[in-house]
Each structure stands twice: as C-alpha cells, then as structure tokens.
C-alpha cells in the first residue's frame, strides 16, 4: 500500500500529492470568472458618450420604432428617447424598465449596460456640484438640499393660499425643465409651509402611486390640498381607463369647496397638459415657471 505521498517507481523521488477536487473546482471557477470578465463590456467604466454611442447603435439596428417601444415597455416616447440619447439617466426605480428596453433593442449584454448606467449615476452623485441629483428625479427617500430661494417659494405659497381663499376650481400648475427643482420647490417650499398652517390637510402623491386619494375632511379642516408631482408619468397610460378615472377624480376634487389641486410637470410635456381641459384651465391662469436656481439660492443640509 502506498503512503499519502505516493511513491513512484523510484522511491527516492516521491510523486507530489494529487490535487483535491476542491482545489480543481477553485481553479476552474477562477478561469471561468476570468473568461466572463473578458467577455463583459467595459460597462462600469463606460463614459456617457460611450454609452450614448452604444445605445444609438442598438437603436439604429433595431426594427422597433419609438412608438413600438412605447407599447412594449409602457413608457412614454420622450422618456425612452431621453434614455437612449442619455439626455437623462434612468433613476434606480427604472432599472428593470431600462434593462427591458435594451433587451428589446437587441443587446446581448443588458446587465452590462445597466451596470454602466448605475456607475454613471454614482459618479454624478459624487462629482456633481448641482444641488439637485444631476439628471435624476428627486424621490422622497433621498436627502434633500435646503431650499433658500425665497422669492419663488413665497410666490408658490401665496398663489396656493389665494386659490384656496377665492375657491378657485382651477389647479395650480408648476412647470419647469427636468432638473430645475420642481419637486424640491413643491416638497420643501410649498408642502412644508402649508403643513405648518392650522386647518390645512395636505397630501403629496406621484403617478407611481397609480391612484388619487385626497385627504378626508374633518371638523377641523379648513381646506384640503393635493399635490400631484411628476405628472408627466401619467402620460404613459393616457389612453387607459385608469387615467380616465384619475382625471375624473381630480376634476371632482377641484369642484369641491375648500380644495386645491397642485400639479408639478416637466415643461417638455406642456403641449400634452394643454390637451386636458382641467389642466388647460390652470395653464391659462398664470402657471408658476421654475427656472434653475443659482448656487446662492440653494445650499445642502448638514
């Protein structure tokens, strides 16, 4: 019987121990990982220009039009165009939709392209001096910079209170380009102010909630305010029964006494808003236009 250090024909030169199955598996796994790494696109290090070029190449080779992609993904044409041209980076909640989009465009490595988007978002967050989150939309879970541009803040509060006082059935429209700070203005400039006022029941919602549920009036309620932010996302379902029900609910709410509907929407969708009679009335009644705040007007919270 041979010992654990097996003896060869020449007992003075023992054979080396055989590799264990675990060691073989480890070596094989490392080889496979190395091969996979070489096959992956350099997505995490891809610049925005490189990502734009790759997405543009996929779109050019794809048989799908933007109209096709709209119905296949459930996202608006403008949103899809912005993603493909890298005008706007998909936010974290859109990761699955972006991955589905690039698969529809024919990408064999959708995870690599998604990795690239995530890396670009992180680099933007680390290097951007803009108080807003680069080209990403602002969510309630993200820490907010402190809004200090008082003139616009006071204007939106004054307009809201005036609308409540005169029992206006017209919604207050807040419109601005992506990244201009509409959500910041609505949440910090308007909501925080109104919530400090006695008798005002204030509710904030976005299309992601897929419902319109205004606060229920109580004996102490002076007025009810509902802020619908990122309204442009509703246009993904503008022909659906859900959208019709939402618009009917908003119209009924505006007809009730002591109520105010505030709509936040991107300026790129101005023409779509104007197609809805209820919102057109608000556009014709002096909407609030949000420009980009200067550094002196915005500071970060500690």
Protein backbone atom coordinates (compact mmCIF):
# COMPACT_ATOMS: atom_id res chain seq x y z
CA UNK A 1 0.00 0.00 0.00
CA UNK A 2 1.30 3.41 -0.96
CA UNK A 3 1.53 6.23 1.55
CA UNK A 4 -0.25 9.57 1.22
CA UNK A 5 2.82 10.88 -0.58
CA UNK A 6 2.58 8.25 -3.29
CA UNK A 7 5.84 6.54 -4.20
CA UNK A 8 6.80 6.29 -7.83
CA UNK A 9 8.94 3.58 -9.38
CA UNK A 10 11.91 5.36 -7.86
CA UNK A 11 11.18 5.59 -4.15
CA UNK A 12 13.77 8.35 -3.79
CA UNK A 13 11.53 10.70 -5.82
CA UNK A 14 8.03 10.67 -4.34
CA UNK A 15 5.19 11.95 -6.50
CA UNK A 16 3.55 15.22 -5.42
CA UNK A 17 0.16 14.87 -3.74
CA UNK A 18 -2.78 14.79 -6.12
CA UNK A 19 -4.86 17.95 -6.28
CA UNK A 20 -8.03 17.68 -4.29
CA UNK A 21 -11.38 18.09 -6.02
CA UNK A 22 -11.94 21.39 -4.15
CA UNK A 23 -8.70 22.84 -5.48
CA UNK A 24 -9.61 21.77 -9.02
CA UNK A 25 -13.03 23.42 -8.69
CA UNK A 26 -11.46 26.63 -7.39
CA UNK A 27 -9.01 26.80 -10.30
CA UNK A 28 -11.82 26.05 -12.77
CA UNK A 29 -14.06 28.72 -11.23
CA UNK A 30 -11.29 31.32 -11.43
CA UNK A 31 -10.73 30.50 -15.08
CA UNK A 32 -14.42 30.84 -15.86
CA UNK A 33 -14.68 34.13 -13.98
CA UNK A 34 -11.65 35.46 -15.84
CA UNK A 35 -13.20 34.44 -19.16
CA UNK A 36 -16.53 36.05 -18.28
CA UNK A 37 -14.77 39.23 -17.18
CA UNK A 38 -13.00 39.46 -20.54
CA UNK A 39 -16.29 38.96 -22.38
CA UNK A 40 -18.13 41.71 -20.49
CA UNK A 41 -18.40 45.17 -21.94
CA UNK A 42 -16.42 47.77 -20.01
CA UNK A 43 -19.78 48.99 -18.67
CA UNK A 44 -18.78 50.20 -15.19
CA UNK A 45 -16.09 52.38 -16.76
CA UNK A 46 -18.14 53.45 -19.77
CA UNK A 47 -18.43 57.18 -20.22
CA UNK A 48 -21.73 58.81 -21.04
CA UNK A 49 -20.53 59.38 -24.62
CA UNK A 50 -19.65 55.68 -24.97
CA UNK A 51 -23.00 54.64 -23.53
CA UNK A 52 -24.81 57.04 -25.86
CA UNK A 53 -22.94 55.63 -28.83
CA UNK A 54 -23.74 52.04 -27.86
CA UNK A 55 -27.43 52.75 -27.28
CA UNK A 56 -27.59 54.71 -30.52
CA UNK A 57 -26.05 51.80 -32.39
CA UNK A 58 -28.59 49.40 -30.90
CA UNK A 59 -31.49 51.69 -31.76
CA UNK A 60 -30.28 52.11 -35.33
CA UNK A 61 -30.04 48.35 -35.79
CA UNK A 62 -33.35 47.66 -34.05
CA UNK A 63 -36.54 47.06 -36.07
CA UNK A 64 -38.57 48.79 -33.34
CA UNK A 65 -39.70 52.40 -33.68
CA UNK A 66 -40.15 54.61 -30.62
CA UNK A 67 -43.88 54.04 -30.97
CA UNK A 68 -43.30 50.26 -30.83
CA UNK A 69 -41.07 50.62 -27.79
CA UNK A 70 -43.68 52.77 -26.05
CA UNK A 71 -46.26 49.99 -26.19
CA UNK A 72 -43.76 47.23 -25.45
CA UNK A 73 -42.31 48.93 -22.37
CA UNK A 74 -45.23 51.02 -21.14
CA UNK A 75 -43.01 54.11 -21.01
CA UNK A 76 -43.53 57.34 -22.92
CA UNK A 77 -41.68 58.01 -26.18
CA UNK A 78 -39.97 61.05 -24.72
CA UNK A 79 -38.70 59.07 -21.72
CA UNK A 80 -37.35 56.30 -23.96
CA UNK A 81 -35.71 58.85 -26.26
CA UNK A 82 -34.10 60.58 -23.28
CA UNK A 83 -32.68 57.27 -22.04
CA UNK A 84 -31.36 56.17 -25.42
CA UNK A 85 -29.72 59.53 -26.12
CA UNK A 86 -28.52 59.76 -22.48
CA UNK A 87 -30.27 63.09 -22.08
CA UNK A 88 -31.47 61.70 -18.78
CA UNK A 89 -30.19 58.72 -16.85
CA UNK A 90 -32.82 56.25 -15.65
CA UNK A 91 -33.26 56.52 -11.90
CA UNK A 92 -32.92 53.47 -9.65
CA UNK A 93 -36.62 52.62 -9.75
CA UNK A 94 -36.37 52.44 -13.56
CA UNK A 95 -33.57 49.85 -13.64
CA UNK A 96 -35.83 46.98 -14.68
CA UNK A 97 -37.51 49.07 -17.38
CA UNK A 98 -34.15 50.18 -18.78
CA UNK A 99 -32.90 46.60 -18.85
CA UNK A 100 -36.07 45.52 -20.69
CA UNK A 101 -35.57 48.36 -23.17
CA UNK A 102 -32.03 47.42 -24.12
CA UNK A 103 -33.09 43.78 -24.49
CA UNK A 104 -35.80 44.89 -26.91
CA UNK A 105 -33.14 46.86 -28.81
CA UNK A 106 -31.23 43.61 -29.29
CA UNK A 107 -28.50 43.89 -26.66
CA UNK A 108 -27.00 40.56 -25.64
CA UNK A 109 -25.49 42.15 -22.54
CA UNK A 110 -28.29 44.19 -20.93
CA UNK A 111 -26.78 43.79 -17.45
CA UNK A 112 -23.54 45.40 -18.63
CA UNK A 113 -25.38 48.43 -19.96
CA UNK A 114 -27.38 48.69 -16.73
CA UNK A 115 -24.10 48.49 -14.77
CA UNK A 116 -22.86 51.40 -16.85
CA UNK A 117 -25.93 53.50 -16.02
CA UNK A 118 -25.59 52.73 -12.32
CA UNK A 119 -21.89 53.65 -12.39
CA UNK A 120 -22.65 56.92 -14.17
CA UNK A 121 -25.31 57.75 -11.61
CA UNK A 122 -22.82 57.15 -8.81
CA UNK A 123 -20.13 59.26 -10.46
CA UNK A 124 -22.67 62.04 -10.98
CA UNK A 125 -23.69 61.90 -7.33
CA UNK A 126 -20.03 62.06 -6.20
CA UNK A 127 -18.85 64.81 -8.51
CA UNK A 128 -21.87 67.00 -9.23
CA UNK A 129 -21.99 70.42 -7.60
CA UNK A 130 -25.60 70.92 -8.67
CA UNK A 131 -27.78 70.69 -5.53
CA UNK A 132 -30.27 68.58 -7.47
CA UNK A 133 -29.43 64.96 -8.22
CA UNK A 134 -27.87 65.54 -11.64
CA UNK A 135 -30.37 64.37 -14.24
CA UNK A 136 -32.13 62.01 -11.85
CA UNK A 137 -35.54 62.82 -10.49
CA UNK A 138 -35.79 63.61 -6.78
CA UNK A 139 -37.50 60.95 -4.64
CA UNK A 140 -38.86 61.16 -1.12
CA UNK A 141 -36.23 58.70 0.15
CA UNK A 142 -33.29 60.86 -0.91
CA UNK A 143 -31.83 63.54 1.37
CA UNK A 144 -32.85 66.95 0.12
CA UNK A 145 -30.77 70.07 -0.19
CA UNK A 146 -32.09 73.05 1.68
CA UNK A 147 -34.21 75.37 -0.43
CA UNK A 148 -33.44 79.02 0.16
CA UNK A 149 -34.62 80.81 -2.96
CA UNK A 150 -37.26 82.75 -1.10
CA UNK A 151 -38.92 84.73 -3.91
CA UNK A 152 -40.19 81.68 -5.79
CA UNK A 153 -41.02 79.86 -2.58
CA UNK A 154 -43.09 82.77 -1.35
CA UNK A 155 -44.78 83.07 -4.74
CA UNK A 156 -45.97 79.46 -4.84
CA UNK A 157 -47.23 79.68 -1.25
CA UNK A 158 -49.04 82.96 -1.91
CA UNK A 159 -50.63 81.61 -5.07
CA UNK A 160 -51.78 78.49 -3.27
CA UNK A 161 -53.34 80.41 -0.41
CA UNK A 162 -55.00 82.86 -2.82
CA UNK A 163 -56.52 80.00 -4.81
CA UNK A 164 -57.92 78.48 -1.62
CA UNK A 165 -59.31 81.83 -0.47
CA UNK A 166 -61.15 82.57 -3.74
CA UNK A 167 -62.48 78.99 -4.03
CA UNK A 168 -60.88 78.56 -7.43
CA UNK A 169 -61.67 75.32 -9.24
CA UNK A 170 -58.57 75.70 -11.40
CA UNK A 171 -55.46 73.70 -10.50
CA UNK A 172 -52.20 75.46 -9.76
CA UNK A 173 -49.65 74.32 -12.35
CA UNK A 174 -45.93 74.33 -11.52
CA UNK A 175 -43.88 73.74 -14.66
CA UNK A 176 -40.15 73.61 -15.35
CA UNK A 177 -37.43 71.73 -17.18
CA UNK A 178 -36.08 68.48 -15.82
CA UNK A 179 -33.56 69.21 -13.07
CA UNK A 180 -34.89 72.71 -12.41
CA UNK A 181 -36.04 71.80 -8.90
CA UNK A 182 -39.83 71.50 -9.22
CA UNK A 183 -40.05 68.63 -6.75
CA UNK A 184 -37.80 70.47 -4.33
CA UNK A 185 -39.94 73.59 -4.59
CA UNK A 186 -43.16 71.64 -4.08
CA UNK A 187 -41.96 69.49 -1.20
CA UNK A 188 -39.82 71.99 0.70
CA UNK A 189 -41.20 75.29 -0.49
CA UNK A 190 -44.93 74.53 -0.57
CA UNK A 191 -45.70 71.40 1.45
CA UNK A 192 -43.58 72.28 4.46
CA UNK A 193 -45.16 75.74 4.64
CA UNK A 194 -48.75 74.53 4.26
CA UNK A 195 -48.34 71.72 6.80
CA UNK A 196 -47.41 74.31 9.40
CA UNK A 197 -50.71 76.12 8.89
CA UNK A 198 -53.61 75.12 11.10
CA UNK A 199 -56.57 73.51 9.37
CA UNK A 200 -54.85 72.57 6.13
CA UNK A 201 -54.79 68.88 5.21
CA UNK A 202 -52.01 68.36 2.68
CA UNK A 203 -51.33 65.25 0.61
CA UNK A 204 -48.39 64.62 -1.77
CA UNK A 205 -48.53 61.94 -4.46
CA UNK A 206 -46.94 60.90 -7.76
CA UNK A 207 -48.17 58.75 -10.67
CA UNK A 208 -46.20 55.85 -9.20
CA UNK A 209 -49.00 55.51 -6.63
CA UNK A 210 -51.44 54.99 -9.52
CA UNK A 211 -54.30 56.48 -7.55
CA UNK A 212 -55.76 59.80 -6.48
CA UNK A 213 -56.92 59.73 -2.87
CA UNK A 214 -57.45 63.21 -1.41
CA UNK A 215 -57.43 63.64 2.37
CA UNK A 216 -60.79 63.24 4.08
CA UNK A 217 -62.17 66.42 5.58
CA UNK A 218 -62.51 66.54 9.35
CA UNK A 219 -64.37 69.05 11.57
CA UNK A 220 -61.09 70.93 11.97
CA UNK A 221 -60.31 71.02 8.24
CA UNK A 222 -60.20 74.50 6.70
CA UNK A 223 -59.03 73.32 3.28
CA UNK A 224 -57.60 70.25 1.57
CA UNK A 225 -54.58 70.40 -0.74
CA UNK A 226 -53.35 67.62 -3.02
CA UNK A 227 -50.01 67.96 -4.82
CA UNK A 228 -49.54 65.63 -7.81
CA UNK A 229 -45.86 65.76 -8.74
CA UNK A 230 -44.11 64.27 -11.82
CA UNK A 231 -47.46 64.38 -13.60
CA UNK A 232 -45.79 63.63 -16.95
CA UNK A 233 -45.53 59.98 -15.92
CA UNK A 234 -49.32 59.78 -16.17
CA UNK A 235 -48.98 60.14 -19.94
CA UNK A 236 -47.63 56.59 -20.10
CA UNK A 237 -51.22 55.48 -19.61
CA UNK A 238 -53.14 58.42 -21.07
CA UNK A 239 -55.44 56.18 -23.10
CA UNK A 240 -56.18 53.72 -20.31
CA UNK A 241 -59.31 53.52 -18.14
CA UNK A 242 -57.08 54.15 -15.12
CA UNK A 243 -56.03 57.54 -16.49
CA UNK A 244 -59.65 58.47 -17.20
CA UNK A 245 -60.65 57.56 -13.64
CA UNK A 246 -57.78 59.60 -12.23
CA UNK A 247 -58.71 62.67 -14.26
CA UNK A 248 -62.38 62.33 -13.27
CA UNK A 249 -61.37 62.09 -9.62
CA UNK A 250 -59.18 65.20 -9.92
CA UNK A 251 -61.97 67.13 -11.65
CA UNK A 252 -64.46 66.19 -8.92
CA UNK A 253 -61.96 67.17 -6.24
CA UNK A 254 -61.45 70.61 -7.83
CA UNK A 255 -65.22 71.20 -7.82
CA UNK A 256 -65.49 70.61 -4.10
CA UNK A 257 -65.30 73.63 -1.77
CA UNK A 258 -62.08 74.49 0.06
CA UNK A 259 -59.81 72.38 -2.10
CA UNK A 260 -56.70 72.99 -4.17
CA UNK A 261 -55.03 70.74 -6.71
CA UNK A 262 -51.36 71.46 -7.46
CA UNK A 263 -49.72 69.85 -10.49
CA UNK A 264 -45.94 69.58 -11.00
CA UNK A 265 -44.95 68.75 -14.57
CA UNK A 266 -41.94 68.93 -16.87
CA UNK A 267 -42.04 71.71 -19.43
CA UNK A 268 -41.39 69.22 -22.27
CA UNK A 269 -44.95 67.99 -21.73
CA UNK A 270 -46.58 71.43 -21.88
CA UNK A 271 -48.48 70.53 -25.06
CA UNK A 272 -49.78 67.29 -23.54
CA UNK A 273 -51.03 69.13 -20.46
CA UNK A 274 -52.81 71.62 -22.70
CA UNK A 275 -54.84 68.77 -24.23
CA UNK A 276 -56.59 68.13 -20.88
CA UNK A 277 -59.36 70.69 -20.23
CA UNK A 278 -58.91 70.70 -16.44
CA UNK A 279 -55.17 71.35 -16.67
CA UNK A 280 -55.53 73.78 -19.57
CA UNK A 281 -57.58 75.99 -17.27
CA UNK A 282 -54.63 76.03 -14.88
CA UNK A 283 -52.16 76.82 -17.65
CA UNK A 284 -54.29 79.75 -18.75
CA UNK A 285 -54.38 81.07 -15.20
CA UNK A 286 -50.70 82.03 -14.89
CA UNK A 287 -48.74 78.87 -14.13
CA UNK A 288 -45.61 79.10 -11.99
CA UNK A 289 -42.49 78.55 -14.10
CA UNK A 290 -39.43 77.20 -12.29
CA UNK A 291 -36.03 78.18 -13.63
CA UNK A 292 -32.70 76.71 -12.49
CA UNK A 293 -31.73 78.03 -9.05
CA UNK A 294 -28.32 79.63 -8.60
CA UNK A 295 -25.75 78.42 -6.10
CA UNK A 296 -26.57 81.35 -3.83
CA UNK A 297 -30.19 80.25 -3.72
CA UNK A 298 -29.62 76.63 -2.72
CA UNK A 299 -27.45 75.03 -0.06
CA UNK A 300 -27.06 71.47 1.22
CA UNK A 301 -28.45 70.39 4.53
CA UNK A 302 -25.92 69.23 7.09
